Protein backbone atom coordinates (compact mmCIF):
# COMPACT_ATOMS: atom_id res chain seq x y z
CA MET A 1 178.83 123.79 153.29
CA TRP A 2 178.55 122.85 149.66
CA LEU A 3 180.07 124.92 146.87
CA PRO A 4 179.98 124.12 143.15
CA MET A 5 182.97 122.32 141.65
CA ARG A 6 184.37 125.30 139.73
CA ALA A 7 184.09 127.55 142.75
CA ARG A 8 185.68 124.90 144.97
CA GLN A 9 188.73 125.09 142.76
CA ARG A 10 189.05 128.77 143.72
CA VAL A 11 187.69 128.81 147.25
CA ARG A 12 187.51 126.18 149.96
CA SER A 13 183.96 125.43 151.05
CA SER A 14 184.85 126.53 154.58
CA SER A 15 185.00 130.07 153.25
CA VAL A 16 181.35 130.11 152.16
CA VAL A 17 179.75 132.93 154.08
CA PRO A 18 176.40 131.84 155.57
CA VAL A 19 175.47 135.45 156.37
CA THR A 20 176.08 136.50 152.77
CA THR A 21 174.13 133.50 151.53
CA LEU A 22 171.20 134.43 153.79
CA ALA A 23 171.36 138.08 152.79
CA MET A 24 171.40 137.32 149.07
CA GLN A 25 168.98 134.40 149.18
CA PRO A 26 165.75 136.41 148.66
CA GLN A 27 167.00 137.99 145.43
CA ILE A 28 168.45 134.66 144.27
CA VAL A 29 165.16 132.85 144.94
CA GLU A 30 163.29 135.63 143.16
CA ALA A 31 165.52 135.21 140.09
CA LEU A 32 165.17 131.42 140.16
CA SER A 33 161.40 131.82 140.40
CA THR A 34 161.38 133.39 136.93
CA ILE A 35 162.78 130.22 135.33
CA PHE A 36 160.23 127.63 134.26
CA ASP A 37 160.56 123.98 133.37
CA PRO A 38 159.44 123.92 129.72
CA GLU A 39 157.21 120.89 130.26
CA ILE A 40 155.59 121.95 133.53
CA PRO A 41 154.09 125.44 133.97
CA VAL A 42 155.77 125.96 137.38
CA ASN A 43 159.06 127.66 138.16
CA ILE A 44 162.08 125.55 139.09
CA TYR A 45 162.19 126.82 142.67
CA GLU A 46 158.56 125.91 143.45
CA LEU A 47 159.02 122.59 141.66
CA GLY A 48 161.68 121.73 144.22
CA LEU A 49 164.47 121.38 141.68
CA VAL A 50 166.79 123.70 143.64
CA TYR A 51 168.45 121.79 146.47
CA GLU A 52 170.97 124.31 147.75
CA ILE A 53 172.20 127.87 147.30
CA ALA A 54 175.62 129.02 148.51
CA VAL A 55 177.54 132.28 148.18
CA ASP A 56 181.29 132.58 148.72
CA PRO A 57 183.20 135.68 149.97
CA ASP A 58 183.64 136.93 146.39
CA ASN A 59 179.85 136.80 145.85
CA VAL A 60 180.08 133.80 143.54
CA VAL A 61 176.73 132.04 143.72
CA GLY A 62 176.51 128.28 143.54
CA VAL A 63 173.28 126.41 142.95
CA ARG A 64 172.95 122.67 143.43
CA MET A 65 169.87 121.47 141.60
CA THR A 66 168.34 118.54 139.79
CA LEU A 67 165.96 118.02 136.92
CA THR A 68 162.62 116.20 136.90
CA ALA A 69 164.20 113.25 135.06
CA PRO A 70 167.65 112.30 133.73
CA GLY A 71 166.31 112.45 130.16
CA CYS A 72 164.83 115.93 130.66
CA PRO A 73 164.91 117.81 127.35
CA ALA A 74 165.89 120.98 129.24
CA ALA A 75 169.05 119.38 130.68
CA GLN A 76 171.26 121.63 128.58
CA SER A 77 169.23 124.84 128.66
CA LEU A 78 168.04 125.13 132.29
CA PRO A 79 171.49 125.31 133.94
CA VAL A 80 172.61 127.93 131.42
CA GLU A 81 169.46 129.97 132.08
CA VAL A 82 170.06 129.75 135.86
CA VAL A 83 173.65 130.98 135.49
CA ASN A 84 172.61 133.84 133.19
CA LYS A 85 169.82 135.01 135.51
CA LEU A 86 172.05 134.90 138.59
CA LYS A 87 174.89 136.80 136.90
CA GLN A 88 172.45 139.66 136.27
CA LEU A 89 171.79 140.16 139.99
CA PRO A 90 173.45 143.16 141.69
CA GLY A 91 176.52 142.11 143.62
CA VAL A 92 176.85 138.67 142.03
CA THR A 93 180.29 138.30 140.48
CA ASP A 94 179.77 134.85 138.97
CA ALA A 95 177.45 131.86 139.16
CA HIS A 96 177.77 128.11 138.78
CA VAL A 97 175.28 125.25 138.69
CA ASP A 98 175.89 121.65 139.66
CA ILE A 99 173.26 119.22 138.39
CA VAL A 100 172.88 116.27 140.76
CA TRP A 101 170.73 113.15 140.68
CA ASP A 102 170.99 112.19 144.34
CA PRO A 103 168.59 112.59 145.95
CA PRO A 104 166.31 112.05 142.96
CA TRP A 105 163.52 114.54 142.39
CA ASP A 106 159.95 113.46 143.08
CA ARG A 107 156.63 115.27 143.35
CA GLY A 108 156.98 115.43 147.12
CA ARG A 109 159.65 118.12 146.69
CA MET A 110 157.17 120.54 145.17
CA SER A 111 155.89 123.45 147.23
CA GLU A 112 152.25 123.60 148.27
CA ALA A 113 151.79 126.47 145.79
CA ALA A 114 153.14 124.32 142.93
CA LYS A 115 150.88 121.42 143.87
CA LEU A 116 147.90 123.76 144.00
CA GLN A 117 148.81 125.31 140.65
CA LEU A 118 149.02 121.84 139.07
CA GLY A 119 145.82 120.62 140.77
CA MET A 120 147.62 117.91 142.71
CA PHE A 121 145.52 118.07 145.89
């Protein structure tokens, strides 16, 4: 299982706890759903920018995500906002974000709700 680079330095990925990840996932998704791409009026989770969530035994949350484009003006601010929101969750001891470009984001990654909200049907 994936774990962000900084967390991998502390904990081997084999120690990621799938049960903890599943238990914490609803509150993590809820927090991520309050963060919006500044150019698109849809939250980053529904946009399909979040690829993976992992939680290690120390309740360090890792998020692997992308942006809508490499030149995204929010490239500096969105990861910081994700980390700050996650650190506020009860039980979370730390949070890290890895921005990845593979696989690249496309509109097909958006949820049905996001497509409906943007009138893409």
